[in-house]
Amino acid sequence: MHSIGNNLSDARVGVVGRGRLGTALSGALREAGVAVEGPAGRGEAPTGCDALVLCVP
């Protein structure tokens, strides 16, 4: 594992969960200039990400 530092604009973030939280978080991160993979639904897996956020029950 490596550190991505304090600047998320250089990181690729994967979001798992297509519900309200996953969709809203993905949109907000994109608006902030972060590269986002997802939101991923069942059976999907974000690839090539520096960080992964789980928005599932």
PDB file of N, CA and C in Angstrom:
ATOM      1  N   MET A   1       0.846  -1.169   0.000  1.00  0.00           N
ATOM      2  CA  MET A   1       0.000   0.000   0.000  1.00  0.00           C
ATOM      3  C   MET A   1       0.895   1.236   0.000  1.00  0.00           C
ATOM      4  N   HIS A   2       0.454   2.273  -0.703  1.00  0.00           N
ATOM      5  CA  HIS A   2       1.231   3.507  -0.745  1.00  0.00           C
ATOM      6  C   HIS A   2       0.352   4.690  -0.356  1.00  0.00           C
ATOM      7  N   SER A   3       0.985   5.755   0.065  1.00  0.00           N
ATOM      8  CA  SER A   3       0.264   6.961   0.473  1.00  0.00           C
ATOM      9  C   SER A   3      -0.063   7.805  -0.751  1.00  0.00           C
ATOM     10  N   ILE A   4      -1.294   8.352  -0.793  1.00  0.00           N
ATOM     11  CA  ILE A   4      -1.662   9.237  -1.900  1.00  0.00           C
ATOM     12  C   ILE A   4      -1.552  10.699  -1.490  1.00  0.00           C
ATOM     13  N   GLY A   5      -1.109  10.934  -0.269  1.00  0.00           N
ATOM     14  CA  GLY A   5      -0.901  12.303   0.182  1.00  0.00           C
ATOM     15  C   GLY A   5      -2.197  13.029   0.484  1.00  0.00           C
ATOM     16  N   ASN A   6      -2.112  14.330   0.554  1.00  0.00           N
ATOM     17  CA  ASN A   6      -3.266  15.153   0.902  1.00  0.00           C
ATOM     18  C   ASN A   6      -4.037  15.643  -0.311  1.00  0.00           C
ATOM     19  N   ASN A   7      -3.553  15.381  -1.504  1.00  0.00           N
ATOM     20  CA  ASN A   7      -4.167  15.909  -2.713  1.00  0.00           C
ATOM     21  C   ASN A   7      -4.889  14.794  -3.468  1.00  0.00           C
ATOM     22  N   LEU A   8      -6.213  14.712  -3.299  1.00  0.00           N
ATOM     23  CA  LEU A   8      -6.984  13.667  -3.957  1.00  0.00           C
ATOM     24  C   LEU A   8      -7.142  13.886  -5.452  1.00  0.00           C
ATOM     25  N   SER A   9      -6.814  15.071  -5.943  1.00  0.00           N
ATOM     26  CA  SER A   9      -6.978  15.302  -7.375  1.00  0.00           C
ATOM     27  C   SER A   9      -6.007  14.455  -8.189  1.00  0.00           C
ATOM     28  N   ASP A  10      -4.963  13.940  -7.560  1.00  0.00           N
ATOM     29  CA  ASP A  10      -4.012  13.064  -8.242  1.00  0.00           C
ATOM     30  C   ASP A  10      -4.380  11.591  -8.092  1.00  0.00           C
ATOM     31  N   ALA A  11      -5.404  11.297  -7.302  1.00  0.00           N
ATOM     32  CA  ALA A  11      -5.778   9.919  -7.009  1.00  0.00           C
ATOM     33  C   ALA A  11      -6.975   9.484  -7.847  1.00  0.00           C
ATOM     34  N   ARG A  12      -7.098   8.193  -8.032  1.00  0.00           N
ATOM     35  CA  ARG A  12      -8.277   7.606  -8.674  1.00  0.00           C
ATOM     36  C   ARG A  12      -9.039   6.867  -7.576  1.00  0.00           C
ATOM     37  N   VAL A  13     -10.298   7.241  -7.390  1.00  0.00           N
ATOM     38  CA  VAL A  13     -11.119   6.697  -6.314  1.00  0.00           C
ATOM     39  C   VAL A  13     -12.214   5.817  -6.910  1.00  0.00           C
ATOM     40  N   GLY A  14     -12.366   4.630  -6.359  1.00  0.00           N
ATOM     41  CA  GLY A  14     -13.443   3.731  -6.763  1.00  0.00           C
ATOM     42  C   GLY A  14     -14.565   3.797  -5.749  1.00  0.00           C
ATOM     43  N   VAL A  15     -15.795   3.834  -6.232  1.00  0.00           N
ATOM     44  CA  VAL A  15     -16.967   3.859  -5.356  1.00  0.00           C
ATOM     45  C   VAL A  15     -17.798   2.615  -5.653  1.00  0.00           C
ATOM     46  N   VAL A  16     -18.108   1.851  -4.603  1.00  0.00           N
ATOM     47  CA  VAL A  16     -18.937   0.655  -4.731  1.00  0.00           C
ATOM     48  C   VAL A  16     -20.264   0.936  -4.052  1.00  0.00           C
ATOM     49  N   GLY A  17     -21.342   0.811  -4.800  1.00  0.00           N
ATOM     50  CA  GLY A  17     -22.690   1.052  -4.289  1.00  0.00           C
ATOM     51  C   GLY A  17     -23.409   2.066  -5.160  1.00  0.00           C
ATOM     52  N   ARG A  18     -24.496   1.636  -5.803  1.00  0.00           N
ATOM     53  CA  ARG A  18     -25.233   2.517  -6.710  1.00  0.00           C
ATOM     54  C   ARG A  18     -26.442   3.169  -6.063  1.00  0.00           C
ATOM     55  N   GLY A  19     -26.510   3.134  -4.762  1.00  0.00           N
ATOM     56  CA  GLY A  19     -27.623   3.771  -4.066  1.00  0.00           C
ATOM     57  C   GLY A  19     -27.450   5.278  -4.004  1.00  0.00           C
ATOM     58  N   ARG A  20     -28.232   5.906  -3.135  1.00  0.00           N
ATOM     59  CA  ARG A  20     -28.188   7.369  -3.024  1.00  0.00           C
ATOM     60  C   ARG A  20     -26.818   7.875  -2.603  1.00  0.00           C
ATOM     61  N   LEU A  21     -26.201   7.216  -1.630  1.00  0.00           N
ATOM     62  CA  LEU A  21     -24.902   7.682  -1.140  1.00  0.00           C
ATOM     63  C   LEU A  21     -23.801   7.498  -2.184  1.00  0.00           C
ATOM     64  N   GLY A  22     -23.720   6.318  -2.778  1.00  0.00           N
ATOM     65  CA  GLY A  22     -22.684   6.066  -3.777  1.00  0.00           C
ATOM     66  C   GLY A  22     -22.797   6.985  -4.979  1.00  0.00           C
ATOM     67  N   THR A  23     -24.030   7.213  -5.434  1.00  0.00           N
ATOM     68  CA  THR A  23     -24.260   8.093  -6.578  1.00  0.00           C
ATOM     69  C   THR A  23     -23.912   9.538  -6.239  1.00  0.00           C
ATOM     70  N   ALA A  24     -24.356  10.002  -5.077  1.00  0.00           N
ATOM     71  CA  ALA A  24     -24.077  11.384  -4.662  1.00  0.00           C
ATOM     72  C   ALA A  24     -22.582  11.600  -4.427  1.00  0.00           C
ATOM     73  N   LEU A  25     -21.933  10.647  -3.782  1.00  0.00           N
ATOM     74  CA  LEU A  25     -20.504  10.775  -3.501  1.00  0.00           C
ATOM     75  C   LEU A  25     -19.688  10.771  -4.788  1.00  0.00           C
ATOM     76  N   SER A  26     -20.035   9.908  -5.720  1.00  0.00           N
ATOM     77  CA  SER A  26     -19.336   9.870  -7.009  1.00  0.00           C
ATOM     78  C   SER A  26     -19.456  11.204  -7.730  1.00  0.00           C
ATOM     79  N   GLY A  27     -20.658  11.760  -7.750  1.00  0.00           N
ATOM     80  CA  GLY A  27     -20.876  13.051  -8.404  1.00  0.00           C
ATOM     81  C   GLY A  27     -20.115  14.177  -7.742  1.00  0.00           C
ATOM     82  N   ALA A  28     -20.121  14.195  -6.414  1.00  0.00           N
ATOM     83  CA  ALA A  28     -19.428  15.255  -5.681  1.00  0.00           C
ATOM     84  C   ALA A  28     -17.917  15.172  -5.888  1.00  0.00           C
ATOM     85  N   LEU A  29     -17.375  13.965  -5.880  1.00  0.00           N
ATOM     86  CA  LEU A  29     -15.939  13.806  -6.108  1.00  0.00           C
ATOM     87  C   LEU A  29     -15.560  14.254  -7.513  1.00  0.00           C
ATOM     88  N   ARG A  30     -16.380  13.905  -8.497  1.00  0.00           N
ATOM     89  CA  ARG A  30     -16.108  14.343  -9.881  1.00  0.00           C
ATOM     90  C   ARG A  30     -16.128  15.863  -9.986  1.00  0.00           C
ATOM     91  N   GLU A  31     -17.120  16.487  -9.355  1.00  0.00           N
ATOM     92  CA  GLU A  31     -17.206  17.952  -9.382  1.00  0.00           C
ATOM     93  C   GLU A  31     -16.001  18.593  -8.718  1.00  0.00           C
ATOM     94  N   ALA A  32     -15.402  17.892  -7.749  1.00  0.00           N
ATOM     95  CA  ALA A  32     -14.219  18.403  -7.056  1.00  0.00           C
ATOM     96  C   ALA A  32     -12.937  18.127  -7.838  1.00  0.00           C
ATOM     97  N   GLY A  33     -13.060  17.485  -9.000  1.00  0.00           N
ATOM     98  CA  GLY A  33     -11.893  17.234  -9.831  1.00  0.00           C
ATOM     99  C   GLY A  33     -11.183  15.921  -9.580  1.00  0.00           C
ATOM    100  N   VAL A  34     -11.824  15.020  -8.850  1.00  0.00           N
ATOM    101  CA  VAL A  34     -11.222  13.725  -8.545  1.00  0.00           C
ATOM    102  C   VAL A  34     -11.631  12.725  -9.626  1.00  0.00           C
ATOM    103  N   ALA A  35     -10.694  11.903 -10.066  1.00  0.00           N
ATOM    104  CA  ALA A  35     -11.000  10.837 -11.021  1.00  0.00           C
ATOM    105  C   ALA A  35     -11.730   9.727 -10.276  1.00  0.00           C
ATOM    106  N   VAL A  36     -12.941   9.410 -10.732  1.00  0.00           N
ATOM    107  CA  VAL A  36     -13.785   8.439 -10.032  1.00  0.00           C
ATOM    108  C   VAL A  36     -14.126   7.282 -10.959  1.00  0.00           C
ATOM    109  N   GLU A  37     -14.034   6.085 -10.430  1.00  0.00           N
ATOM    110  CA  GLU A  37     -14.468   4.870 -11.110  1.00  0.00           C
ATOM    111  C   GLU A  37     -15.726   4.393 -10.389  1.00  0.00           C
ATOM    112  N   GLY A  38     -16.854   4.410 -11.056  1.00  0.00           N
ATOM    113  CA  GLY A  38     -18.108   3.977 -10.437  1.00  0.00           C
ATOM    114  C   GLY A  38     -19.111   5.105 -10.391  1.00  0.00           C
ATOM    115  N   PRO A  39     -20.213   4.909  -9.736  1.00  0.00           N
ATOM    116  CA  PRO A  39     -20.443   3.877  -8.724  1.00  0.00           C
ATOM    117  C   PRO A  39     -20.663   2.506  -9.356  1.00  0.00           C
ATOM    118  N   ALA A  40     -20.069   1.499  -8.750  1.00  0.00           N
ATOM    119  CA  ALA A  40     -20.180   0.134  -9.237  1.00  0.00           C
ATOM    120  C   ALA A  40     -21.341  -0.566  -8.543  1.00  0.00           C
ATOM    121  N   GLY A  41     -22.058  -1.365  -9.309  1.00  0.00           N
ATOM    122  CA  GLY A  41     -23.182  -2.130  -8.774  1.00  0.00           C
ATOM    123  C   GLY A  41     -22.773  -3.570  -8.502  1.00  0.00           C
ATOM    124  N   ARG A  42     -23.778  -4.396  -8.244  1.00  0.00           N
ATOM    125  CA  ARG A  42     -23.531  -5.825  -7.968  1.00  0.00           C
ATOM    126  C   ARG A  42     -22.769  -6.476  -9.116  1.00  0.00           C
ATOM    127  N   GLY A  43     -21.754  -7.234  -8.751  1.00  0.00           N
ATOM    128  CA  GLY A  43     -20.978  -7.958  -9.742  1.00  0.00           C
ATOM    129  C   GLY A  43     -19.945  -7.117 -10.476  1.00  0.00           C
ATOM    130  N   GLU A  44     -19.874  -5.826 -10.183  1.00  0.00           N
ATOM    131  CA  GLU A  44     -18.894  -4.949 -10.824  1.00  0.00           C
ATOM    132  C   GLU A  44     -17.779  -4.643  -9.832  1.00  0.00           C
ATOM    133  N   ALA A  45     -16.591  -4.428 -10.350  1.00  0.00           N
ATOM    134  CA  ALA A  45     -15.454  -4.108  -9.493  1.00  0.00           C
ATOM    135  C   ALA A  45     -14.647  -2.976 -10.112  1.00  0.00           C
ATOM    136  N   PRO A  46     -14.509  -1.846  -9.401  1.00  0.00           N
ATOM    137  CA  PRO A  46     -13.652  -0.768  -9.903  1.00  0.00           C
ATOM    138  C   PRO A  46     -12.205  -1.255  -9.972  1.00  0.00           C
ATOM    139  N   THR A  47     -11.500  -0.884 -11.026  1.00  0.00           N
ATOM    140  CA  THR A  47     -10.111  -1.321 -11.185  1.00  0.00           C
ATOM    141  C   THR A  47      -9.187  -0.119 -11.300  1.00  0.00           C
ATOM    142  N   GLY A  48      -7.941  -0.321 -10.953  1.00  0.00           N
ATOM    143  CA  GLY A  48      -6.932   0.718 -11.096  1.00  0.00           C
ATOM    144  C   GLY A  48      -7.124   1.895 -10.169  1.00  0.00           C
ATOM    145  N   CYS A  49      -7.676   1.659  -8.984  1.00  0.00           N
ATOM    146  CA  CYS A  49      -7.973   2.750  -8.047  1.00  0.00           C
ATOM    147  C   CYS A  49      -6.924   2.826  -6.943  1.00  0.00           C
ATOM    148  N   ASP A  50      -6.682   4.042  -6.482  1.00  0.00           N
ATOM    149  CA  ASP A  50      -5.785   4.257  -5.346  1.00  0.00           C
ATOM    150  C   ASP A  50      -6.524   4.097  -4.027  1.00  0.00           C
ATOM    151  N   ALA A  51      -7.828   4.355  -4.046  1.00  0.00           N
ATOM    152  CA  ALA A  51      -8.660   4.242  -2.847  1.00  0.00           C
ATOM    153  C   ALA A  51     -10.013   3.689  -3.261  1.00  0.00           C
ATOM    154  N   LEU A  52     -10.656   2.973  -2.346  1.00  0.00           N
ATOM    155  CA  LEU A  52     -11.957   2.377  -2.608  1.00  0.00           C
ATOM    156  C   LEU A  52     -12.898   2.753  -1.474  1.00  0.00           C
ATOM    157  N   VAL A  53     -14.077   3.279  -1.829  1.00  0.00           N
ATOM    158  CA  VAL A  53     -15.072   3.673  -0.833  1.00  0.00           C
ATOM    159  C   VAL A  53     -16.262   2.734  -0.972  1.00  0.00           C
ATOM    160  N   LEU A  54     -16.623   2.071   0.122  1.00  0.00           N
ATOM    161  CA  LEU A  54     -17.761   1.160   0.117  1.00  0.00           C
ATOM    162  C   LEU A  54     -18.995   1.895   0.622  1.00  0.00           C
ATOM    163  N   CYS A  55     -20.011   1.995  -0.219  1.00  0.00           N
ATOM    164  CA  CYS A  55     -21.275   2.649   0.131  1.00  0.00           C
ATOM    165  C   CYS A  55     -22.381   1.613   0.037  1.00  0.00           C
ATOM    166  N   VAL A  56     -22.237   0.558   0.827  1.00  0.00           N
ATOM    167  CA  VAL A  56     -23.178  -0.561   0.802  1.00  0.00           C
ATOM    168  C   VAL A  56     -23.649  -0.853   2.224  1.00  0.00           C
ATOM    169  N   PRO A  57     -24.852  -1.419   2.332  1.00  0.00           N
ATOM    170  CA  PRO A  57     -25.346  -1.761   3.687  1.00  0.00           C
ATOM    171  C   PRO A  57     -24.613  -2.950   4.274  1.00  0.00           C
TER     172      PRO A  57
END
